[in-house]
Amino acid sequence: MQPITLYILSSPETQEGLGRLVNGLEIARDLVQQGASVEVVFDGAGTKWIPELTHPESKLHPLFEALRPQIVGVCAFCSSAYGVQEQVQAAGIPLLQENNGHPGIATRLLQNHHVLTF
């Protein structure tokens, strides 16, 4: 099976954004449990989820921690633009900047990753 990269792009400001986040993380967990090679990347407004997901009292924290080995990073540019870069760094999550400060989606596609966006 080809590797799978899930991009979390949804904003925490809406219920729809919450639904997209949870769906993306649940699909990632299901894929991991079935033996797939999975990466999770937080990009765009999705970078704003990191402060909540890394907070131990968040309901989503256990799901995030279960997937921590699959979380390959957060967009460096977007985390700075949305004011969460310090929280990302404090959480020990890599800042991705392969494409002018952004994660390299083209690189992943050229490496035959299936790419899903949420």
PDB file of N, CA and C in Angstrom:
ATOM      1  N   MET A   1       0.835  -1.190   0.000  1.00  0.00           N
ATOM      2  CA  MET A   1       0.000   0.000   0.000  1.00  0.00           C
ATOM      3  C   MET A   1       0.878   1.250   0.000  1.00  0.00           C
ATOM      4  N   GLN A   2       0.445   2.232  -0.738  1.00  0.00           N
ATOM      5  CA  GLN A   2       1.166   3.494  -0.800  1.00  0.00           C
ATOM      6  C   GLN A   2       1.039   4.246   0.516  1.00  0.00           C
ATOM      7  N   PRO A   3       2.048   5.067   0.856  1.00  0.00           N
ATOM      8  CA  PRO A   3       1.924   5.894   2.059  1.00  0.00           C
ATOM      9  C   PRO A   3       0.774   6.885   1.903  1.00  0.00           C
ATOM     10  N   ILE A   4       0.233   7.291   3.034  1.00  0.00           N
ATOM     11  CA  ILE A   4      -0.916   8.204   3.048  1.00  0.00           C
ATOM     12  C   ILE A   4      -0.559   9.413   3.893  1.00  0.00           C
ATOM     13  N   THR A   5      -0.793  10.603   3.354  1.00  0.00           N
ATOM     14  CA  THR A   5      -0.581  11.836   4.106  1.00  0.00           C
ATOM     15  C   THR A   5      -1.926  12.533   4.252  1.00  0.00           C
ATOM     16  N   LEU A   6      -2.284  12.832   5.490  1.00  0.00           N
ATOM     17  CA  LEU A   6      -3.516  13.563   5.780  1.00  0.00           C
ATOM     18  C   LEU A   6      -3.146  14.987   6.166  1.00  0.00           C
ATOM     19  N   TYR A   7      -3.724  15.953   5.473  1.00  0.00           N
ATOM     20  CA  TYR A   7      -3.509  17.360   5.776  1.00  0.00           C
ATOM     21  C   TYR A   7      -4.722  17.880   6.545  1.00  0.00           C
ATOM     22  N   ILE A   8      -4.473  18.428   7.726  1.00  0.00           N
ATOM     23  CA  ILE A   8      -5.527  19.064   8.507  1.00  0.00           C
ATOM     24  C   ILE A   8      -5.448  20.556   8.208  1.00  0.00           C
ATOM     25  N   LEU A   9      -6.469  21.066   7.541  1.00  0.00           N
ATOM     26  CA  LEU A   9      -6.517  22.462   7.118  1.00  0.00           C
ATOM     27  C   LEU A   9      -7.650  23.227   7.805  1.00  0.00           C
ATOM     28  N   SER A  10      -8.526  22.520   8.498  1.00  0.00           N
ATOM     29  CA  SER A  10      -9.723  23.141   9.058  1.00  0.00           C
ATOM     30  C   SER A  10      -9.393  24.063  10.221  1.00  0.00           C
ATOM     31  N   SER A  11     -10.240  25.039  10.400  1.00  0.00           N
ATOM     32  CA  SER A  11     -10.078  26.025  11.462  1.00  0.00           C
ATOM     33  C   SER A  11     -10.847  25.609  12.713  1.00  0.00           C
ATOM     34  N   PRO A  12     -10.293  25.887  13.888  1.00  0.00           N
ATOM     35  CA  PRO A  12     -11.008  25.551  15.114  1.00  0.00           C
ATOM     36  C   PRO A  12     -12.168  26.490  15.443  1.00  0.00           C
ATOM     37  N   GLU A  13     -12.441  27.455  14.600  1.00  0.00           N
ATOM     38  CA  GLU A  13     -13.494  28.414  14.908  1.00  0.00           C
ATOM     39  C   GLU A  13     -14.909  27.946  14.597  1.00  0.00           C
ATOM     40  N   THR A  14     -15.057  26.815  13.920  1.00  0.00           N
ATOM     41  CA  THR A  14     -16.400  26.370  13.564  1.00  0.00           C
ATOM     42  C   THR A  14     -16.625  24.911  13.950  1.00  0.00           C
ATOM     43  N   GLN A  15     -17.884  24.538  14.065  1.00  0.00           N
ATOM     44  CA  GLN A  15     -18.228  23.133  14.320  1.00  0.00           C
ATOM     45  C   GLN A  15     -17.812  22.266  13.137  1.00  0.00           C
ATOM     46  N   GLU A  16     -17.952  22.815  11.935  1.00  0.00           N
ATOM     47  CA  GLU A  16     -17.524  22.076  10.750  1.00  0.00           C
ATOM     48  C   GLU A  16     -16.023  21.801  10.818  1.00  0.00           C
ATOM     49  N   GLY A  17     -15.248  22.798  11.254  1.00  0.00           N
ATOM     50  CA  GLY A  17     -13.811  22.614  11.398  1.00  0.00           C
ATOM     51  C   GLY A  17     -13.474  21.529  12.399  1.00  0.00           C
ATOM     52  N   LEU A  18     -14.209  21.506  13.494  1.00  0.00           N
ATOM     53  CA  LEU A  18     -14.018  20.455  14.502  1.00  0.00           C
ATOM     54  C   LEU A  18     -14.326  19.091  13.899  1.00  0.00           C
ATOM     55  N   GLY A  19     -15.411  19.009  13.152  1.00  0.00           N
ATOM     56  CA  GLY A  19     -15.779  17.747  12.512  1.00  0.00           C
ATOM     57  C   GLY A  19     -14.721  17.269  11.540  1.00  0.00           C
ATOM     58  N   ARG A  20     -14.167  18.190  10.762  1.00  0.00           N
ATOM     59  CA  ARG A  20     -13.114  17.823   9.814  1.00  0.00           C
ATOM     60  C   ARG A  20     -11.867  17.325  10.543  1.00  0.00           C
ATOM     61  N   LEU A  21     -11.499  18.012  11.612  1.00  0.00           N
ATOM     62  CA  LEU A  21     -10.339  17.586  12.402  1.00  0.00           C
ATOM     63  C   LEU A  21     -10.542  16.176  12.941  1.00  0.00           C
ATOM     64  N   VAL A  22     -11.674  15.965  13.619  1.00  0.00           N
ATOM     65  CA  VAL A  22     -11.928  14.661  14.233  1.00  0.00           C
ATOM     66  C   VAL A  22     -12.003  13.575  13.162  1.00  0.00           C
ATOM     67  N   ASN A  23     -12.681  13.837  12.050  1.00  0.00           N
ATOM     68  CA  ASN A  23     -12.744  12.845  10.971  1.00  0.00           C
ATOM     69  C   ASN A  23     -11.348  12.513  10.453  1.00  0.00           C
ATOM     70  N   GLY A  24     -10.533  13.531  10.232  1.00  0.00           N
ATOM     71  CA  GLY A  24      -9.182  13.294   9.748  1.00  0.00           C
ATOM     72  C   GLY A  24      -8.360  12.459  10.709  1.00  0.00           C
ATOM     73  N   LEU A  25      -8.415  12.807  11.996  1.00  0.00           N
ATOM     74  CA  LEU A  25      -7.630  12.056  12.986  1.00  0.00           C
ATOM     75  C   LEU A  25      -8.163  10.642  13.181  1.00  0.00           C
ATOM     76  N   GLU A  26      -9.474  10.472  13.143  1.00  0.00           N
ATOM     77  CA  GLU A  26     -10.047   9.123  13.284  1.00  0.00           C
ATOM     78  C   GLU A  26      -9.683   8.250  12.087  1.00  0.00           C
ATOM     79  N   ILE A  27      -9.703   8.817  10.897  1.00  0.00           N
ATOM     80  CA  ILE A  27      -9.304   8.058   9.713  1.00  0.00           C
ATOM     81  C   ILE A  27      -7.823   7.692   9.814  1.00  0.00           C
ATOM     82  N   ALA A  28      -6.999   8.635  10.268  1.00  0.00           N
ATOM     83  CA  ALA A  28      -5.567   8.342  10.444  1.00  0.00           C
ATOM     84  C   ALA A  28      -5.376   7.192  11.424  1.00  0.00           C
ATOM     85  N   ARG A  29      -6.101   7.231  12.541  1.00  0.00           N
ATOM     86  CA  ARG A  29      -5.969   6.162  13.537  1.00  0.00           C
ATOM     87  C   ARG A  29      -6.414   4.816  12.959  1.00  0.00           C
ATOM     88  N   ASP A  30      -7.512   4.813  12.235  1.00  0.00           N
ATOM     89  CA  ASP A  30      -7.998   3.577  11.614  1.00  0.00           C
ATOM     90  C   ASP A  30      -6.969   3.022  10.635  1.00  0.00           C
ATOM     91  N   LEU A  31      -6.395   3.888   9.827  1.00  0.00           N
ATOM     92  CA  LEU A  31      -5.382   3.451   8.864  1.00  0.00           C
ATOM     93  C   LEU A  31      -4.149   2.869   9.566  1.00  0.00           C
ATOM     94  N   VAL A  32      -3.716   3.528  10.628  1.00  0.00           N
ATOM     95  CA  VAL A  32      -2.555   3.037  11.390  1.00  0.00           C
ATOM     96  C   VAL A  32      -2.870   1.658  11.968  1.00  0.00           C
ATOM     97  N   GLN A  33      -4.069   1.514  12.526  1.00  0.00           N
ATOM     98  CA  GLN A  33      -4.453   0.231  13.119  1.00  0.00           C
ATOM     99  C   GLN A  33      -4.510  -0.880  12.078  1.00  0.00           C
ATOM    100  N   GLN A  34      -4.725  -0.501  10.826  1.00  0.00           N
ATOM    101  CA  GLN A  34      -4.773  -1.498   9.756  1.00  0.00           C
ATOM    102  C   GLN A  34      -3.415  -1.685   9.075  1.00  0.00           C
ATOM    103  N   GLY A  35      -2.389  -1.050   9.629  1.00  0.00           N
ATOM    104  CA  GLY A  35      -1.035  -1.271   9.149  1.00  0.00           C
ATOM    105  C   GLY A  35      -0.541  -0.339   8.064  1.00  0.00           C
ATOM    106  N   ALA A  36      -1.277   0.712   7.789  1.00  0.00           N
ATOM    107  CA  ALA A  36      -0.862   1.652   6.743  1.00  0.00           C
ATOM    108  C   ALA A  36       0.255   2.568   7.235  1.00  0.00           C
ATOM    109  N   SER A  37       1.040   3.061   6.305  1.00  0.00           N
ATOM    110  CA  SER A  37       2.045   4.079   6.582  1.00  0.00           C
ATOM    111  C   SER A  37       1.346   5.435   6.467  1.00  0.00           C
ATOM    112  N   VAL A  38       1.257   6.158   7.585  1.00  0.00           N
ATOM    113  CA  VAL A  38       0.449   7.377   7.652  1.00  0.00           C
ATOM    114  C   VAL A  38       1.274   8.542   8.176  1.00  0.00           C
ATOM    115  N   GLU A  39       1.076   9.705   7.549  1.00  0.00           N
ATOM    116  CA  GLU A  39       1.617  10.967   8.036  1.00  0.00           C
ATOM    117  C   GLU A  39       0.448  11.927   8.241  1.00  0.00           C
ATOM    118  N   VAL A  40       0.559  12.757   9.283  1.00  0.00           N
ATOM    119  CA  VAL A  40      -0.424  13.822   9.503  1.00  0.00           C
ATOM    120  C   VAL A  40       0.332  15.141   9.511  1.00  0.00           C
ATOM    121  N   VAL A  41      -0.176  16.096   8.727  1.00  0.00           N
ATOM    122  CA  VAL A  41       0.422  17.421   8.617  1.00  0.00           C
ATOM    123  C   VAL A  41      -0.665  18.454   8.942  1.00  0.00           C
ATOM    124  N   PHE A  42      -0.317  19.428   9.765  1.00  0.00           N
ATOM    125  CA  PHE A  42      -1.216  20.542  10.056  1.00  0.00           C
ATOM    126  C   PHE A  42      -0.756  21.731   9.234  1.00  0.00           C
ATOM    127  N   ASP A  43      -1.686  22.289   8.445  1.00  0.00           N
ATOM    128  CA  ASP A  43      -1.342  23.362   7.514  1.00  0.00           C
ATOM    129  C   ASP A  43      -2.447  24.408   7.546  1.00  0.00           C
ATOM    130  N   GLY A  44      -2.154  25.591   7.046  1.00  0.00           N
ATOM    131  CA  GLY A  44      -3.158  26.649   6.992  1.00  0.00           C
ATOM    132  C   GLY A  44      -3.755  26.912   8.370  1.00  0.00           C
ATOM    133  N   ALA A  45      -5.071  27.155   8.394  1.00  0.00           N
ATOM    134  CA  ALA A  45      -5.761  27.409   9.662  1.00  0.00           C
ATOM    135  C   ALA A  45      -5.704  26.203  10.590  1.00  0.00           C
ATOM    136  N   GLY A  46      -5.418  25.024  10.044  1.00  0.00           N
ATOM    137  CA  GLY A  46      -5.298  23.827  10.866  1.00  0.00           C
ATOM    138  C   GLY A  46      -4.179  23.912  11.885  1.00  0.00           C
ATOM    139  N   THR A  47      -3.206  24.800  11.648  1.00  0.00           N
ATOM    140  CA  THR A  47      -2.118  24.963  12.619  1.00  0.00           C
ATOM    141  C   THR A  47      -2.644  25.469  13.960  1.00  0.00           C
ATOM    142  N   LYS A  48      -3.794  26.148  13.923  1.00  0.00           N
ATOM    143  CA  LYS A  48      -4.360  26.706  15.163  1.00  0.00           C
ATOM    144  C   LYS A  48      -4.911  25.635  16.099  1.00  0.00           C
ATOM    145  N   TRP A  49      -5.004  24.372  15.631  1.00  0.00           N
ATOM    146  CA  TRP A  49      -5.467  23.284  16.492  1.00  0.00           C
ATOM    147  C   TRP A  49      -4.400  22.868  17.506  1.00  0.00           C
ATOM    148  N   ILE A  50      -3.143  23.112  17.226  1.00  0.00           N
ATOM    149  CA  ILE A  50      -2.069  22.577  18.055  1.00  0.00           C
ATOM    150  C   ILE A  50      -2.175  22.981  19.528  1.00  0.00           C
ATOM    151  N   PRO A  51      -2.424  24.244  19.874  1.00  0.00           N
ATOM    152  CA  PRO A  51      -2.538  24.563  21.306  1.00  0.00           C
ATOM    153  C   PRO A  51      -3.622  23.752  22.021  1.00  0.00           C
ATOM    154  N   GLU A  52      -4.751  23.515  21.375  1.00  0.00           N
ATOM    155  CA  GLU A  52      -5.805  22.718  22.010  1.00  0.00           C
ATOM    156  C   GLU A  52      -5.424  21.243  22.077  1.00  0.00           C
ATOM    157  N   LEU A  53      -4.930  20.707  20.996  1.00  0.00           N
ATOM    158  CA  LEU A  53      -4.624  19.278  20.943  1.00  0.00           C
ATOM    159  C   LEU A  53      -3.519  18.879  21.906  1.00  0.00           C
ATOM    160  N   THR A  54      -2.603  19.779  22.176  1.00  0.00           N
ATOM    161  CA  THR A  54      -1.495  19.461  23.074  1.00  0.00           C
ATOM    162  C   THR A  54      -1.821  19.765  24.529  1.00  0.00           C
ATOM    163  N   HIS A  55      -2.960  20.377  24.787  1.00  0.00           N
ATOM    164  CA  HIS A  55      -3.363  20.673  26.168  1.00  0.00           C
ATOM    165  C   HIS A  55      -3.915  19.396  26.808  1.00  0.00           C
ATOM    166  N   PRO A  56      -3.323  18.929  27.904  1.00  0.00           N
ATOM    167  CA  PRO A  56      -3.725  17.645  28.499  1.00  0.00           C
ATOM    168  C   PRO A  56      -5.201  17.543  28.887  1.00  0.00           C
ATOM    169  N   GLU A  57      -5.867  18.655  29.103  1.00  0.00           N
ATOM    170  CA  GLU A  57      -7.269  18.603  29.520  1.00  0.00           C
ATOM    171  C   GLU A  57      -8.250  18.623  28.356  1.00  0.00           C
ATOM    172  N   SER A  58      -7.744  18.760  27.154  1.00  0.00           N
ATOM    173  CA  SER A  58      -8.600  18.749  25.968  1.00  0.00           C
ATOM    174  C   SER A  58      -9.164  17.346  25.744  1.00  0.00           C
ATOM    175  N   LYS A  59     -10.421  17.268  25.356  1.00  0.00           N
ATOM    176  CA  LYS A  59     -11.035  15.975  25.025  1.00  0.00           C
ATOM    177  C   LYS A  59     -10.333  15.311  23.843  1.00  0.00           C
ATOM    178  N   LEU A  60      -9.696  16.106  23.000  1.00  0.00           N
ATOM    179  CA  LEU A  60      -9.027  15.576  21.807  1.00  0.00           C
ATOM    180  C   LEU A  60      -7.571  15.187  22.064  1.00  0.00           C
ATOM    181  N   HIS A  61      -7.055  15.531  23.233  1.00  0.00           N
ATOM    182  CA  HIS A  61      -5.655  15.254  23.542  1.00  0.00           C
ATOM    183  C   HIS A  61      -5.291  13.767  23.448  1.00  0.00           C
ATOM    184  N   PRO A  62      -6.105  12.845  23.983  1.00  0.00           N
ATOM    185  CA  PRO A  62      -5.734  11.424  23.861  1.00  0.00           C
ATOM    186  C   PRO A  62      -5.640  10.943  22.410  1.00  0.00           C
ATOM    187  N   LEU A  63      -6.543  11.396  21.563  1.00  0.00           N
ATOM    188  CA  LEU A  63      -6.488  11.019  20.145  1.00  0.00           C
ATOM    189  C   LEU A  63      -5.228  11.589  19.494  1.00  0.00           C
ATOM    190  N   PHE A  64      -4.928  12.831  19.791  1.00  0.00           N
ATOM    191  CA  PHE A  64      -3.717  13.455  19.259  1.00  0.00           C
ATOM    192  C   PHE A  64      -2.471  12.692  19.715  1.00  0.00           C
ATOM    193  N   GLU A  65      -2.410  12.376  20.990  1.00  0.00           N
ATOM    194  CA  GLU A  65      -1.234  11.669  21.522  1.00  0.00           C
ATOM    195  C   GLU A  65      -1.113  10.261  20.936  1.00  0.00           C
ATOM    196  N   ALA A  66      -2.240   9.623  20.674  1.00  0.00           N
ATOM    197  CA  ALA A  66      -2.199   8.284  20.065  1.00  0.00           C
ATOM    198  C   ALA A  66      -1.583   8.351  18.667  1.00  0.00           C
ATOM    199  N   LEU A  67      -1.734   9.501  18.017  1.00  0.00           N
ATOM    200  CA  LEU A  67      -1.212   9.672  16.658  1.00  0.00           C
ATOM    201  C   LEU A  67       0.104  10.447  16.613  1.00  0.00           C
ATOM    202  N   ARG A  68       0.648  10.790  17.755  1.00  0.00           N
ATOM    203  CA  ARG A  68       1.865  11.612  17.770  1.00  0.00           C
ATOM    204  C   ARG A  68       2.975  11.048  16.876  1.00  0.00           C
ATOM    205  N   PRO A  69       3.204   9.731  16.848  1.00  0.00           N
ATOM    206  CA  PRO A  69       4.261   9.226  15.950  1.00  0.00           C
ATOM    207  C   PRO A  69       3.992   9.514  14.470  1.00  0.00           C
ATOM    208  N   GLN A  70       2.742   9.709  14.106  1.00  0.00           N
ATOM    209  CA  GLN A  70       2.390   9.975  12.708  1.00  0.00           C
ATOM    210  C   GLN A  70       2.370  11.472  12.388  1.00  0.00           C
ATOM    211  N   ILE A  71       2.425  12.328  13.404  1.00  0.00           N
ATOM    212  CA  ILE A  71       2.371  13.773  13.175  1.00  0.00           C
ATOM    213  C   ILE A  71       3.765  14.220  12.748  1.00  0.00           C
ATOM    214  N   VAL A  72       3.928  14.421  11.449  1.00  0.00           N
ATOM    215  CA  VAL A  72       5.252  14.735  10.926  1.00  0.00           C
ATOM    216  C   VAL A  72       5.578  16.215  11.026  1.00  0.00           C
ATOM    217  N   GLY A  73       4.559  17.052  11.209  1.00  0.00           N
ATOM    218  CA  GLY A  73       4.858  18.458  11.389  1.00  0.00           C
ATOM    219  C   GLY A  73       3.727  19.404  11.091  1.00  0.00           C
ATOM    220  N   VAL A  74       4.088  20.677  11.226  1.00  0.00           N
ATOM    221  CA  VAL A  74       3.159  21.797  11.090  1.00  0.00           C
ATOM    222  C   VAL A  74       3.806  22.809  10.141  1.00  0.00           C
ATOM    223  N   CYS A  75       3.008  23.420   9.313  1.00  0.00           N
ATOM    224  CA  CYS A  75       3.513  24.437   8.389  1.00  0.00           C
ATOM    225  C   CYS A  75       4.196  25.564   9.167  1.00  0.00           C
ATOM    226  N   ALA A  76       5.464  25.802   8.860  1.00  0.00           N
ATOM    227  CA  ALA A  76       6.221  26.860   9.532  1.00  0.00           C
ATOM    228  C   ALA A  76       5.615  28.236   9.247  1.00  0.00           C
ATOM    229  N   PHE A  77       5.338  28.509   7.981  1.00  0.00           N
ATOM    230  CA  PHE A  77       4.804  29.813   7.603  1.00  0.00           C
ATOM    231  C   PHE A  77       3.450  30.065   8.266  1.00  0.00           C
ATOM    232  N   CYS A  78       2.548  29.097   8.145  1.00  0.00           N
ATOM    233  CA  CYS A  78       1.186  29.284   8.661  1.00  0.00           C
ATOM    234  C   CYS A  78       1.154  29.359  10.182  1.00  0.00           C
ATOM    235  N   SER A  79       1.985  28.560  10.842  1.00  0.00           N
ATOM    236  CA  SER A  79       1.989  28.620  12.306  1.00  0.00           C
ATOM    237  C   SER A  79       2.455  29.988  12.778  1.00  0.00           C
ATOM    238  N   SER A  80       3.372  30.597  12.046  1.00  0.00           N
ATOM    239  CA  SER A  80       3.800  31.955  12.378  1.00  0.00           C
ATOM    240  C   SER A  80       2.692  32.956  12.066  1.00  0.00           C
ATOM    241  N   ALA A  81       2.086  32.818  10.895  1.00  0.00           N
ATOM    242  CA  ALA A  81       1.022  33.747  10.479  1.00  0.00           C
ATOM    243  C   ALA A  81      -0.172  33.705  11.429  1.00  0.00           C
ATOM    244  N   TYR A  82      -0.479  32.518  11.966  1.00  0.00           N
ATOM    245  CA  TYR A  82      -1.615  32.373  12.878  1.00  0.00           C
ATOM    246  C   TYR A  82      -1.222  32.525  14.346  1.00  0.00           C
ATOM    247  N   GLY A  83       0.040  32.831  14.611  1.00  0.00           N
ATOM    248  CA  GLY A  83       0.471  33.132  15.968  1.00  0.00           C
ATOM    249  C   GLY A  83       0.591  31.941  16.904  1.00  0.00           C
ATOM    250  N   VAL A  84       0.824  30.747  16.359  1.00  0.00           N
ATOM    251  CA  VAL A  84       0.929  29.557  17.215  1.00  0.00           C
ATOM    252  C   VAL A  84       2.293  28.872  17.132  1.00  0.00           C
ATOM    253  N   GLN A  85       3.257  29.504  16.468  1.00  0.00           N
ATOM    254  CA  GLN A  85       4.549  28.853  16.272  1.00  0.00           C
ATOM    255  C   GLN A  85       5.239  28.514  17.594  1.00  0.00           C
ATOM    256  N   GLU A  86       5.141  29.374  18.586  1.00  0.00           N
ATOM    257  CA  GLU A  86       5.762  29.088  19.887  1.00  0.00           C
ATOM    258  C   GLU A  86       5.143  27.853  20.530  1.00  0.00           C
ATOM    259  N   GLN A  87       3.817  27.708  20.466  1.00  0.00           N
ATOM    260  CA  GLN A  87       3.150  26.538  21.031  1.00  0.00           C
ATOM    261  C   GLN A  87       3.544  25.264  20.292  1.00  0.00           C
ATOM    262  N   VAL A  88       3.688  25.363  18.972  1.00  0.00           N
ATOM    263  CA  VAL A  88       4.109  24.213  18.160  1.00  0.00           C
ATOM    264  C   VAL A  88       5.505  23.774  18.582  1.00  0.00           C
ATOM    265  N   GLN A  89       6.405  24.734  18.704  1.00  0.00           N
ATOM    266  CA  GLN A  89       7.771  24.415  19.097  1.00  0.00           C
ATOM    267  C   GLN A  89       7.820  23.868  20.517  1.00  0.00           C
ATOM    268  N   ALA A  90       7.035  24.448  21.431  1.00  0.00           N
ATOM    269  CA  ALA A  90       7.005  23.966  22.814  1.00  0.00           C
ATOM    270  C   ALA A  90       6.487  22.535  22.888  1.00  0.00           C
ATOM    271  N   ALA A  91       5.625  22.162  21.947  1.00  0.00           N
ATOM    272  CA  ALA A  91       5.079  20.802  21.917  1.00  0.00           C
ATOM    273  C   ALA A  91       6.042  19.818  21.266  1.00  0.00           C
ATOM    274  N   GLY A  92       7.150  20.325  20.733  1.00  0.00           N
ATOM    275  CA  GLY A  92       8.133  19.452  20.107  1.00  0.00           C
ATOM    276  C   GLY A  92       7.723  18.933  18.744  1.00  0.00           C
ATOM    277  N   ILE A  93       6.863  19.671  18.063  1.00  0.00           N
ATOM    278  CA  ILE A  93       6.399  19.254  16.738  1.00  0.00           C
ATOM    279  C   ILE A  93       7.238  19.982  15.681  1.00  0.00           C
ATOM    280  N   PRO A  94       7.778  19.250  14.719  1.00  0.00           N
ATOM    281  CA  PRO A  94       8.621  19.890  13.703  1.00  0.00           C
ATOM    282  C   PRO A  94       7.860  20.917  12.872  1.00  0.00           C
ATOM    283  N   LEU A  95       8.582  21.973  12.508  1.00  0.00           N
ATOM    284  CA  LEU A  95       8.058  22.968  11.580  1.00  0.00           C
ATOM    285  C   LEU A  95       8.489  22.564  10.177  1.00  0.00           C
ATOM    286  N   LEU A  96       7.527  22.401   9.298  1.00  0.00           N
ATOM    287  CA  LEU A  96       7.803  21.970   7.927  1.00  0.00           C
ATOM    288  C   LEU A  96       7.907  23.191   7.023  1.00  0.00           C
ATOM    289  N   GLN A  97       8.942  23.214   6.208  1.00  0.00           N
ATOM    290  CA  GLN A  97       9.143  24.374   5.334  1.00  0.00           C
ATOM    291  C   GLN A  97       9.834  24.006   4.033  1.00  0.00           C
ATOM    292  N   GLU A  98       9.547  22.799   3.535  1.00  0.00           N
ATOM    293  CA  GLU A  98      10.194  22.323   2.318  1.00  0.00           C
ATOM    294  C   GLU A  98       9.868  23.177   1.086  1.00  0.00           C
ATOM    295  N   ASN A  99       8.718  23.822   1.091  1.00  0.00           N
ATOM    296  CA  ASN A  99       8.264  24.587  -0.077  1.00  0.00           C
ATOM    297  C   ASN A  99       8.076  26.052   0.310  1.00  0.00           C
ATOM    298  N   ASN A 100       9.173  26.803   0.340  1.00  0.00           N
ATOM    299  CA  ASN A 100       9.112  28.229   0.688  1.00  0.00           C
ATOM    300  C   ASN A 100       8.382  28.483   2.002  1.00  0.00           C
ATOM    301  N   GLY A 101       8.701  27.696   3.016  1.00  0.00           N
ATOM    302  CA  GLY A 101       8.096  27.876   4.330  1.00  0.00           C
ATOM    303  C   GLY A 101       6.872  27.034   4.576  1.00  0.00           C
ATOM    304  N   HIS A 102       6.439  26.284   3.574  1.00  0.00           N
ATOM    305  CA  HIS A 102       5.241  25.450   3.676  1.00  0.00           C
ATOM    306  C   HIS A 102       5.618  23.972   3.538  1.00  0.00           C
ATOM    307  N   PRO A 103       4.749  23.063   3.981  1.00  0.00           N
ATOM    308  CA  PRO A 103       5.013  21.630   3.778  1.00  0.00           C
ATOM    309  C   PRO A 103       5.058  21.300   2.288  1.00  0.00           C
ATOM    310  N   GLY A 104       5.839  20.302   1.945  1.00  0.00           N
ATOM    311  CA  GLY A 104       6.020  19.928   0.547  1.00  0.00           C
ATOM    312  C   GLY A 104       4.996  18.923   0.052  1.00  0.00           C
ATOM    313  N   ILE A 105       3.792  19.398  -0.260  1.00  0.00           N
ATOM    314  CA  ILE A 105       2.761  18.487  -0.765  1.00  0.00           C
ATOM    315  C   ILE A 105       3.172  17.909  -2.121  1.00  0.00           C
ATOM    316  N   ALA A 106       3.823  18.701  -2.958  1.00  0.00           N
ATOM    317  CA  ALA A 106       4.256  18.196  -4.264  1.00  0.00           C
ATOM    318  C   ALA A 106       5.256  17.057  -4.083  1.00  0.00           C
ATOM    319  N   THR A 107       6.159  17.198  -3.135  1.00  0.00           N
ATOM    320  CA  THR A 107       7.135  16.142  -2.855  1.00  0.00           C
ATOM    321  C   THR A 107       6.430  14.854  -2.476  1.00  0.00           C
ATOM    322  N   ARG A 108       5.433  14.956  -1.638  1.00  0.00           N
ATOM    323  CA  ARG A 108       4.700  13.763  -1.207  1.00  0.00           C
ATOM    324  C   ARG A 108       3.942  13.133  -2.374  1.00  0.00           C
ATOM    325  N   LEU A 109       3.342  13.954  -3.204  1.00  0.00           N
ATOM    326  CA  LEU A 109       2.641  13.414  -4.369  1.00  0.00           C
ATOM    327  C   LEU A 109       3.612  12.720  -5.314  1.00  0.00           C
ATOM    328  N   LEU A 110       4.780  13.315  -5.518  1.00  0.00           N
ATOM    329  CA  LEU A 110       5.777  12.714  -6.399  1.00  0.00           C
ATOM    330  C   LEU A 110       6.375  11.436  -5.807  1.00  0.00           C
ATOM    331  N   GLN A 111       6.238  11.280  -4.476  1.00  0.00           N
ATOM    332  CA  GLN A 111       6.675  10.037  -3.818  1.00  0.00           C
ATOM    333  C   GLN A 111       5.538   9.038  -3.736  1.00  0.00           C
ATOM    334  N   ASN A 112       4.474   9.292  -4.503  1.00  0.00           N
ATOM    335  CA  ASN A 112       3.300   8.403  -4.612  1.00  0.00           C
ATOM    336  C   ASN A 112       2.492   8.277  -3.331  1.00  0.00           C
ATOM    337  N   HIS A 113       2.484   9.317  -2.512  1.00  0.00           N
ATOM    338  CA  HIS A 113       1.592   9.321  -1.343  1.00  0.00           C
ATOM    339  C   HIS A 113       0.166   9.562  -1.819  1.00  0.00           C
ATOM    340  N   HIS A 114      -0.768   8.892  -1.182  1.00  0.00           N
ATOM    341  CA  HIS A 114      -2.166   9.293  -1.302  1.00  0.00           C
ATOM    342  C   HIS A 114      -2.291  10.500  -0.378  1.00  0.00           C
ATOM    343  N   VAL A 115      -2.932  11.554  -0.816  1.00  0.00           N
ATOM    344  CA  VAL A 115      -3.083  12.755  -0.010  1.00  0.00           C
ATOM    345  C   VAL A 115      -4.567  12.988   0.238  1.00  0.00           C
ATOM    346  N   LEU A 116      -4.906  13.117   1.513  1.00  0.00           N
ATOM    347  CA  LEU A 116      -6.280  13.433   1.929  1.00  0.00           C
ATOM    348  C   LEU A 116      -6.251  14.768   2.657  1.00  0.00           C
ATOM    349  N   THR A 117      -7.240  15.596   2.397  1.00  0.00           N
ATOM    350  CA  THR A 117      -7.309  16.897   3.072  1.00  0.00           C
ATOM    351  C   THR A 117      -8.599  17.000   3.882  1.00  0.00           C
ATOM    352  N   PHE A 118      -8.446  17.602   5.039  1.00  0.00           N
ATOM    353  CA  PHE A 118      -9.588  17.804   5.945  1.00  0.00           C
ATOM    354  C   PHE A 118      -9.579  19.243   6.429  1.00  0.00           C
TER     355      PHE A 118
END
